[in-house]
Amino acid sequence: MSAERWYEAAEQVLARIRETQTENIRRAAVLIAEAAAAGGGLNIYDTGHCSGEPLHRAGGLLMMREFRLGMNVTNAPAPKRKQSVEERHQQARPASDEQVAELAVARSGLAPGDVLIVNSVSGKSTLPIAVALAAKQLGLRVVAITNVAYSKSVASQHSSGKHLFEAAEVVIDNCGVVGDAALDMEGLGTKAIPTSGLTFCYIIWALAAEAIAQMQARGLKPHVYRSVNLPDGEAYNARVEAEYRETGV
């Protein structure tokens, strides 16, 4: 069965993460605990496919904050100008995206000593790389979640030529294959079924669990959400949210 083949492929990639990335997850958790002890924040910028997974979840950390940037312009070109406008966009995009990322970091709630987790599967796109570099320049501790083998197989779109794994202090490899999809299935012409969503969830919750332990080892009390579907869930969350605003943890 194809489902069984997927189970096997998934188990293999998760085993590789356990075997090769546990120390990197621990290192990232230590950065989070150190930031929390100094009053710093924990932020995530996710350009993968599970955006929002660690945010406002039962059992998740209240201190996890989303970093999001965007700039939308609604203005279609005149029919006779479409080609020249598209050519201009192609030429301007790398520099423009880097400038947007740098401005976004400068105008954001990020602060020196905070931790920023950046997730990008291929690790080649301009925005996540530029955000990571700008955050490091500001004095943040940057953690990358990415596919290192995939990154090494494709050219970076950032003007520096760097990939995300080269722009972070700690790199957690999602241990996927080049192209992300894991199964050869006859007649498709390409592989099917990606692993990056599964591995991101696996990594981010392992990181959260280790970060909680590292904070507790430093005498801190991290706050986590309770399911709102439990009888006391909403009241509990209201109380811990108030405590979080006081402690920052």
C-alpha atoms as a PDB file:
ATOM      1  CA  MET A   1       0.000   0.000   0.000  1.00  0.00           C
ATOM      2  CA  SER A   2       1.156   3.538  -0.744  1.00  0.00           C
ATOM      3  CA  ALA A   3       0.043   4.608   2.726  1.00  0.00           C
ATOM      4  CA  GLU A   4       2.423   2.045   4.219  1.00  0.00           C
ATOM      5  CA  ARG A   5       5.251   3.366   2.040  1.00  0.00           C
ATOM      6  CA  TRP A   6       4.518   6.853   3.357  1.00  0.00           C
ATOM      7  CA  TYR A   7       4.560   5.625   6.954  1.00  0.00           C
ATOM      8  CA  GLU A   8       7.971   4.071   6.328  1.00  0.00           C
ATOM      9  CA  ALA A   9       9.388   7.177   4.643  1.00  0.00           C
ATOM     10  CA  ALA A  10       8.037   9.378   7.442  1.00  0.00           C
ATOM     11  CA  GLU A  11       9.472   7.132  10.145  1.00  0.00           C
ATOM     12  CA  GLN A  12      12.873   7.195   8.440  1.00  0.00           C
ATOM     13  CA  VAL A  13      13.050  10.992   8.241  1.00  0.00           C
ATOM     14  CA  LEU A  14      11.870  11.400  11.841  1.00  0.00           C
ATOM     15  CA  ALA A  15      14.504   8.885  12.948  1.00  0.00           C
ATOM     16  CA  ARG A  16      17.185  10.928  11.134  1.00  0.00           C
ATOM     17  CA  ILE A  17      16.045  14.035  12.987  1.00  0.00           C
ATOM     18  CA  ARG A  18      16.263  12.241  16.344  1.00  0.00           C
ATOM     19  CA  GLU A  19      19.695  10.836  15.511  1.00  0.00           C
ATOM     20  CA  THR A  20      21.296  13.951  14.022  1.00  0.00           C
ATOM     21  CA  GLN A  21      19.404  17.057  15.192  1.00  0.00           C
ATOM     22  CA  THR A  22      18.687  16.525  18.891  1.00  0.00           C
ATOM     23  CA  GLU A  23      21.823  18.402  19.930  1.00  0.00           C
ATOM     24  CA  ASN A  24      20.940  21.333  17.651  1.00  0.00           C
ATOM     25  CA  ILE A  25      17.426  21.381  19.117  1.00  0.00           C
ATOM     26  CA  ARG A  26      18.985  21.465  22.591  1.00  0.00           C
ATOM     27  CA  ARG A  27      21.293  24.327  21.572  1.00  0.00           C
ATOM     28  CA  ALA A  28      18.342  26.325  20.250  1.00  0.00           C
ATOM     29  CA  ALA A  29      16.391  25.620  23.452  1.00  0.00           C
ATOM     30  CA  VAL A  30      19.299  26.953  25.507  1.00  0.00           C
ATOM     31  CA  LEU A  31      19.198  30.198  23.490  1.00  0.00           C
ATOM     32  CA  ILE A  32      15.472  30.489  24.213  1.00  0.00           C
ATOM     33  CA  ALA A  33      15.998  29.901  27.941  1.00  0.00           C
ATOM     34  CA  GLU A  34      18.830  32.427  28.075  1.00  0.00           C
ATOM     35  CA  ALA A  35      16.680  34.994  26.274  1.00  0.00           C
ATOM     36  CA  ALA A  36      13.755  34.362  28.625  1.00  0.00           C
ATOM     37  CA  ALA A  37      15.984  34.718  31.688  1.00  0.00           C
ATOM     38  CA  ALA A  38      17.085  38.131  30.414  1.00  0.00           C
ATOM     39  CA  GLY A  39      13.540  39.295  29.656  1.00  0.00           C
ATOM     40  CA  GLY A  40      13.770  38.579  25.937  1.00  0.00           C
ATOM     41  CA  GLY A  41      11.171  37.233  23.540  1.00  0.00           C
ATOM     42  CA  LEU A  42      10.699  34.174  21.353  1.00  0.00           C
ATOM     43  CA  ASN A  43       9.596  34.872  17.776  1.00  0.00           C
ATOM     44  CA  ILE A  44       8.906  32.742  14.714  1.00  0.00           C
ATOM     45  CA  TYR A  45       8.916  33.648  11.043  1.00  0.00           C
ATOM     46  CA  ASP A  46       7.548  30.693   9.097  1.00  0.00           C
ATOM     47  CA  THR A  47       7.615  30.651   5.292  1.00  0.00           C
ATOM     48  CA  GLY A  48       6.912  26.909   5.177  1.00  0.00           C
ATOM     49  CA  HIS A  49       3.543  25.209   5.008  1.00  0.00           C
ATOM     50  CA  CYS A  50       2.536  24.906   8.662  1.00  0.00           C
ATOM     51  CA  SER A  51       2.356  28.583   9.557  1.00  0.00           C
ATOM     52  CA  GLY A  52       0.618  29.052  12.865  1.00  0.00           C
ATOM     53  CA  GLU A  53       1.243  25.493  14.117  1.00  0.00           C
ATOM     54  CA  PRO A  54       2.996  26.544  17.362  1.00  0.00           C
ATOM     55  CA  LEU A  55       0.870  29.647  17.992  1.00  0.00           C
ATOM     56  CA  HIS A  56      -1.986  29.775  20.524  1.00  0.00           C
ATOM     57  CA  ARG A  57      -2.096  25.975  20.760  1.00  0.00           C
ATOM     58  CA  ALA A  58      -3.078  23.884  23.774  1.00  0.00           C
ATOM     59  CA  GLY A  59       0.225  23.001  25.403  1.00  0.00           C
ATOM     60  CA  GLY A  60       2.070  25.685  23.447  1.00  0.00           C
ATOM     61  CA  LEU A  61       4.154  28.498  24.892  1.00  0.00           C
ATOM     62  CA  LEU A  62       2.504  31.860  25.420  1.00  0.00           C
ATOM     63  CA  MET A  63       5.845  33.541  24.766  1.00  0.00           C
ATOM     64  CA  MET A  64       5.915  32.321  21.149  1.00  0.00           C
ATOM     65  CA  ARG A  65       5.115  35.361  18.997  1.00  0.00           C
ATOM     66  CA  GLU A  66       4.612  35.490  15.246  1.00  0.00           C
ATOM     67  CA  PHE A  67       6.782  37.679  13.010  1.00  0.00           C
ATOM     68  CA  ARG A  68       4.915  38.447   9.808  1.00  0.00           C
ATOM     69  CA  LEU A  69       5.683  40.876   7.042  1.00  0.00           C
ATOM     70  CA  GLY A  70       4.035  41.770   3.784  1.00  0.00           C
ATOM     71  CA  MET A  71       3.408  44.504   1.291  1.00  0.00           C
ATOM     72  CA  ASN A  72       0.571  44.228  -1.213  1.00  0.00           C
ATOM     73  CA  VAL A  73       0.166  46.605  -4.137  1.00  0.00           C
ATOM     74  CA  THR A  74      -3.011  46.492  -6.238  1.00  0.00           C
ATOM     75  CA  ASN A  75      -2.332  48.132  -9.587  1.00  0.00           C
ATOM     76  CA  ALA A  76      -2.554  46.244 -12.881  1.00  0.00           C
ATOM     77  CA  PRO A  77      -0.327  47.564 -15.691  1.00  0.00           C
ATOM     78  CA  ALA A  78      -1.756  48.923 -18.917  1.00  0.00           C
ATOM     79  CA  PRO A  79      -1.949  46.182 -21.569  1.00  0.00           C
ATOM     80  CA  LYS A  80       0.816  47.733 -23.664  1.00  0.00           C
ATOM     81  CA  ARG A  81       3.072  48.056 -20.623  1.00  0.00           C
ATOM     82  CA  LYS A  82       2.681  44.558 -19.135  1.00  0.00           C
ATOM     83  CA  GLN A  83       5.901  43.074 -20.518  1.00  0.00           C
ATOM     84  CA  SER A  84       8.110  46.018 -19.523  1.00  0.00           C
ATOM     85  CA  VAL A  85       6.592  46.112 -16.028  1.00  0.00           C
ATOM     86  CA  GLU A  86       7.184  42.367 -15.532  1.00  0.00           C
ATOM     87  CA  GLU A  87      10.794  42.759 -16.666  1.00  0.00           C
ATOM     88  CA  ARG A  88      11.289  45.610 -14.194  1.00  0.00           C
ATOM     89  CA  HIS A  89       9.848  43.498 -11.371  1.00  0.00           C
ATOM     90  CA  GLN A  90      12.198  40.626 -12.170  1.00  0.00           C
ATOM     91  CA  GLN A  91      15.209  42.929 -12.143  1.00  0.00           C
ATOM     92  CA  ALA A  92      14.211  44.760  -8.952  1.00  0.00           C
ATOM     93  CA  ARG A  93      12.917  41.882  -6.807  1.00  0.00           C
ATOM     94  CA  PRO A  94      16.041  40.753  -4.897  1.00  0.00           C
ATOM     95  CA  ALA A  95      17.075  44.244  -3.808  1.00  0.00           C
ATOM     96  CA  SER A  96      13.477  45.228  -3.086  1.00  0.00           C
ATOM     97  CA  ASP A  97      12.787  42.149  -0.967  1.00  0.00           C
ATOM     98  CA  GLU A  98      15.962  42.680   1.026  1.00  0.00           C
ATOM     99  CA  GLN A  99      15.018  46.297   1.670  1.00  0.00           C
ATOM    100  CA  VAL A 100      11.498  45.275   2.734  1.00  0.00           C
ATOM    101  CA  ALA A 101      12.923  42.652   5.114  1.00  0.00           C
ATOM    102  CA  GLU A 102      15.406  45.073   6.640  1.00  0.00           C
ATOM    103  CA  LEU A 103      12.695  47.703   7.129  1.00  0.00           C
ATOM    104  CA  ALA A 104      10.317  45.124   8.598  1.00  0.00           C
ATOM    105  CA  VAL A 105      12.904  44.006  11.159  1.00  0.00           C
ATOM    106  CA  ALA A 106      13.750  47.612  12.036  1.00  0.00           C
ATOM    107  CA  ARG A 107      10.064  48.502  12.543  1.00  0.00           C
ATOM    108  CA  SER A 108       9.117  45.249  14.320  1.00  0.00           C
ATOM    109  CA  GLY A 109       8.870  44.311  17.978  1.00  0.00           C
ATOM    110  CA  LEU A 110      12.121  42.339  17.745  1.00  0.00           C
ATOM    111  CA  ALA A 111      14.805  43.402  20.190  1.00  0.00           C
ATOM    112  CA  PRO A 112      18.465  42.546  20.826  1.00  0.00           C
ATOM    113  CA  GLY A 113      18.756  39.349  22.835  1.00  0.00           C
ATOM    114  CA  ASP A 114      15.479  37.924  21.523  1.00  0.00           C
ATOM    115  CA  VAL A 115      15.379  34.603  19.679  1.00  0.00           C
ATOM    116  CA  LEU A 116      14.006  34.463  16.142  1.00  0.00           C
ATOM    117  CA  ILE A 117      13.174  31.108  14.573  1.00  0.00           C
ATOM    118  CA  VAL A 118      13.072  31.239  10.769  1.00  0.00           C
ATOM    119  CA  ASN A 119      11.558  28.311   8.868  1.00  0.00           C
ATOM    120  CA  SER A 120      12.163  27.932   5.133  1.00  0.00           C
ATOM    121  CA  VAL A 121      12.248  24.518   3.477  1.00  0.00           C
ATOM    122  CA  SER A 122      14.558  25.287   0.550  1.00  0.00           C
ATOM    123  CA  GLY A 123      16.328  28.090   2.393  1.00  0.00           C
ATOM    124  CA  LYS A 124      17.007  29.921  -0.860  1.00  0.00           C
ATOM    125  CA  SER A 125      14.383  32.683  -0.913  1.00  0.00           C
ATOM    126  CA  THR A 126      15.383  36.277  -0.374  1.00  0.00           C
ATOM    127  CA  LEU A 127      12.942  37.260   2.378  1.00  0.00           C
ATOM    128  CA  PRO A 128      13.743  34.640   5.053  1.00  0.00           C
ATOM    129  CA  ILE A 129      17.474  35.038   4.456  1.00  0.00           C
ATOM    130  CA  ALA A 130      17.244  38.828   4.607  1.00  0.00           C
ATOM    131  CA  VAL A 131      15.126  38.691   7.769  1.00  0.00           C
ATOM    132  CA  ALA A 132      17.630  36.344   9.401  1.00  0.00           C
ATOM    133  CA  LEU A 133      20.602  38.544   8.483  1.00  0.00           C
ATOM    134  CA  ALA A 134      18.867  41.752   9.578  1.00  0.00           C
ATOM    135  CA  ALA A 135      17.846  40.146  12.870  1.00  0.00           C
ATOM    136  CA  LYS A 136      21.428  39.018  13.534  1.00  0.00           C
ATOM    137  CA  GLN A 137      22.637  42.520  12.761  1.00  0.00           C
ATOM    138  CA  LEU A 138      20.143  43.848  15.312  1.00  0.00           C
ATOM    139  CA  GLY A 139      21.525  41.485  17.945  1.00  0.00           C
ATOM    140  CA  LEU A 140      19.041  38.608  17.915  1.00  0.00           C
ATOM    141  CA  ARG A 141      19.887  34.919  18.250  1.00  0.00           C
ATOM    142  CA  VAL A 142      18.672  33.336  15.007  1.00  0.00           C
ATOM    143  CA  VAL A 143      17.616  29.699  14.680  1.00  0.00           C
ATOM    144  CA  ALA A 144      16.946  28.229  11.227  1.00  0.00           C
ATOM    145  CA  ILE A 145      14.726  25.258  10.465  1.00  0.00           C
ATOM    146  CA  THR A 146      15.486  24.209   6.899  1.00  0.00           C
ATOM    147  CA  ASN A 147      16.465  21.391   4.530  1.00  0.00           C
ATOM    148  CA  VAL A 148      20.219  21.697   4.193  1.00  0.00           C
ATOM    149  CA  ALA A 149      20.607  19.171   1.363  1.00  0.00           C
ATOM    150  CA  TYR A 150      17.875  20.933  -0.607  1.00  0.00           C
ATOM    151  CA  SER A 151      19.511  24.321  -0.013  1.00  0.00           C
ATOM    152  CA  LYS A 152      22.887  23.112  -1.230  1.00  0.00           C
ATOM    153  CA  SER A 153      21.299  21.924  -4.487  1.00  0.00           C
ATOM    154  CA  VAL A 154      19.744  25.284  -5.452  1.00  0.00           C
ATOM    155  CA  ALA A 155      21.067  28.795  -5.946  1.00  0.00           C
ATOM    156  CA  SER A 156      20.328  31.428  -3.330  1.00  0.00           C
ATOM    157  CA  GLN A 157      18.164  34.347  -4.416  1.00  0.00           C
ATOM    158  CA  HIS A 158      19.777  36.673  -1.859  1.00  0.00           C
ATOM    159  CA  SER A 159      22.355  39.119  -3.171  1.00  0.00           C
ATOM    160  CA  SER A 160      24.948  37.770  -0.723  1.00  0.00           C
ATOM    161  CA  GLY A 161      24.663  34.286  -2.184  1.00  0.00           C
ATOM    162  CA  LYS A 162      23.958  32.912   1.285  1.00  0.00           C
ATOM    163  CA  HIS A 163      21.308  30.339   2.086  1.00  0.00           C
ATOM    164  CA  LEU A 164      19.274  30.377   5.286  1.00  0.00           C
ATOM    165  CA  PHE A 165      21.474  27.762   6.948  1.00  0.00           C
ATOM    166  CA  GLU A 166      24.418  30.118   6.439  1.00  0.00           C
ATOM    167  CA  ALA A 167      22.577  33.053   8.028  1.00  0.00           C
ATOM    168  CA  ALA A 168      21.664  31.473  11.389  1.00  0.00           C
ATOM    169  CA  GLU A 169      23.455  30.838  14.663  1.00  0.00           C
ATOM    170  CA  VAL A 170      21.837  27.424  15.127  1.00  0.00           C
ATOM    171  CA  VAL A 171      20.593  25.288  12.239  1.00  0.00           C
ATOM    172  CA  ILE A 172      18.039  22.500  12.646  1.00  0.00           C
ATOM    173  CA  ASP A 173      17.939  20.335   9.528  1.00  0.00           C
ATOM    174  CA  ASN A 174      14.549  18.838   8.673  1.00  0.00           C
ATOM    175  CA  CYS A 175      16.483  15.954   7.068  1.00  0.00           C
ATOM    176  CA  GLY A 176      14.256  15.807   4.000  1.00  0.00           C
ATOM    177  CA  VAL A 177      15.217  14.989   0.440  1.00  0.00           C
ATOM    178  CA  VAL A 178      15.964  17.471  -2.329  1.00  0.00           C
ATOM    179  CA  GLY A 179      12.612  18.697  -3.618  1.00  0.00           C
ATOM    180  CA  ASP A 180      10.838  17.697  -0.379  1.00  0.00           C
ATOM    181  CA  ALA A 181       8.556  15.026  -1.887  1.00  0.00           C
ATOM    182  CA  ALA A 182       9.493  11.524  -0.712  1.00  0.00           C
ATOM    183  CA  LEU A 183       7.608   8.868  -2.713  1.00  0.00           C
ATOM    184  CA  ASP A 184       8.224   7.574  -6.231  1.00  0.00           C
ATOM    185  CA  MET A 185       4.764   6.820  -7.638  1.00  0.00           C
ATOM    186  CA  GLU A 186       4.356   5.394 -11.107  1.00  0.00           C
ATOM    187  CA  GLY A 187       2.929   7.576 -13.858  1.00  0.00           C
ATOM    188  CA  LEU A 188       3.255  10.951 -12.119  1.00  0.00           C
ATOM    189  CA  GLY A 189       6.508  12.161 -13.636  1.00  0.00           C
ATOM    190  CA  THR A 190       7.670  13.505 -10.273  1.00  0.00           C
ATOM    191  CA  LYS A 191       7.839  12.409  -6.660  1.00  0.00           C
ATOM    192  CA  ALA A 192       4.820  12.808  -4.395  1.00  0.00           C
ATOM    193  CA  ILE A 193       4.050  13.491  -0.721  1.00  0.00           C
ATOM    194  CA  PRO A 194       6.302  16.051   1.029  1.00  0.00           C
ATOM    195  CA  THR A 195       7.832  15.553   4.472  1.00  0.00           C
ATOM    196  CA  SER A 196       8.502  19.152   5.493  1.00  0.00           C
ATOM    197  CA  GLY A 197       5.135  19.797   7.161  1.00  0.00           C
ATOM    198  CA  LEU A 198       5.449  16.689   9.293  1.00  0.00           C
ATOM    199  CA  THR A 199       9.061  17.407  10.208  1.00  0.00           C
ATOM    200  CA  PHE A 200       8.406  21.044  11.070  1.00  0.00           C
ATOM    201  CA  CYS A 201       5.724  20.027  13.568  1.00  0.00           C
ATOM    202  CA  TYR A 202       8.012  17.328  14.963  1.00  0.00           C
ATOM    203  CA  ILE A 203      10.911  19.761  15.362  1.00  0.00           C
ATOM    204  CA  ILE A 204       9.006  22.764  16.704  1.00  0.00           C
ATOM    205  CA  TRP A 205       7.298  20.759  19.452  1.00  0.00           C
ATOM    206  CA  ALA A 206      10.545  19.015  20.385  1.00  0.00           C
ATOM    207  CA  LEU A 207      12.124  22.459  20.602  1.00  0.00           C
ATOM    208  CA  ALA A 208       9.259  23.794  22.734  1.00  0.00           C
ATOM    209  CA  ALA A 209       9.496  20.812  25.103  1.00  0.00           C
ATOM    210  CA  GLU A 210      13.243  21.242  25.520  1.00  0.00           C
ATOM    211  CA  ALA A 211      12.904  25.026  25.914  1.00  0.00           C
ATOM    212  CA  ILE A 212      10.412  24.524  28.753  1.00  0.00           C
ATOM    213  CA  ALA A 213      12.841  22.156  30.486  1.00  0.00           C
ATOM    214  CA  GLN A 214      15.753  24.566  29.979  1.00  0.00           C
ATOM    215  CA  MET A 215      13.742  27.475  31.406  1.00  0.00           C
ATOM    216  CA  GLN A 216      12.652  25.420  34.404  1.00  0.00           C
ATOM    217  CA  ALA A 217      16.288  24.487  35.032  1.00  0.00           C
ATOM    218  CA  ARG A 218      16.964  28.225  35.361  1.00  0.00           C
ATOM    219  CA  GLY A 219      14.172  28.704  37.885  1.00  0.00           C
ATOM    220  CA  LEU A 220      11.691  30.158  35.409  1.00  0.00           C
ATOM    221  CA  LYS A 221       8.024  29.204  35.112  1.00  0.00           C
ATOM    222  CA  PRO A 222       7.047  29.194  31.433  1.00  0.00           C
ATOM    223  CA  HIS A 223       3.336  29.558  30.738  1.00  0.00           C
ATOM    224  CA  VAL A 224       1.488  27.276  28.328  1.00  0.00           C
ATOM    225  CA  TYR A 225      -2.023  27.347  26.945  1.00  0.00           C
ATOM    226  CA  ARG A 226      -4.736  24.932  28.094  1.00  0.00           C
ATOM    227  CA  SER A 227      -7.341  23.645  25.634  1.00  0.00           C
ATOM    228  CA  VAL A 228     -10.336  25.970  25.585  1.00  0.00           C
ATOM    229  CA  ASN A 229     -12.497  22.875  25.123  1.00  0.00           C
ATOM    230  CA  LEU A 230     -11.771  21.772  28.695  1.00  0.00           C
ATOM    231  CA  PRO A 231     -14.272  23.008  31.307  1.00  0.00           C
ATOM    232  CA  ASP A 232     -11.816  25.467  32.866  1.00  0.00           C
ATOM    233  CA  GLY A 233      -9.822  26.187  29.693  1.00  0.00           C
ATOM    234  CA  GLU A 234     -10.855  29.777  29.057  1.00  0.00           C
ATOM    235  CA  ALA A 235     -10.500  30.825  32.681  1.00  0.00           C
ATOM    236  CA  TYR A 236      -7.124  29.129  32.960  1.00  0.00           C
ATOM    237  CA  ASN A 237      -5.838  30.828  29.802  1.00  0.00           C
ATOM    238  CA  ALA A 238      -7.052  34.234  30.969  1.00  0.00           C
ATOM    239  CA  ARG A 239      -5.124  33.756  34.216  1.00  0.00           C
ATOM    240  CA  VAL A 240      -1.875  32.589  32.607  1.00  0.00           C
ATOM    241  CA  GLU A 241      -2.077  35.345  29.989  1.00  0.00           C
ATOM    242  CA  ALA A 242      -2.188  37.886  32.826  1.00  0.00           C
ATOM    243  CA  GLU A 243       0.773  36.171  34.490  1.00  0.00           C
ATOM    244  CA  TYR A 244       2.670  36.079  31.182  1.00  0.00           C
ATOM    245  CA  ARG A 245       2.230  39.846  30.785  1.00  0.00           C
ATOM    246  CA  GLU A 246       3.834  40.253  34.200  1.00  0.00           C
ATOM    247  CA  THR A 247       6.707  37.773  33.780  1.00  0.00           C
ATOM    248  CA  GLY A 248       7.337  37.716  30.020  1.00  0.00           C
ATOM    249  CA  VAL A 249       7.718  33.943  30.224  1.00  0.00           C
END
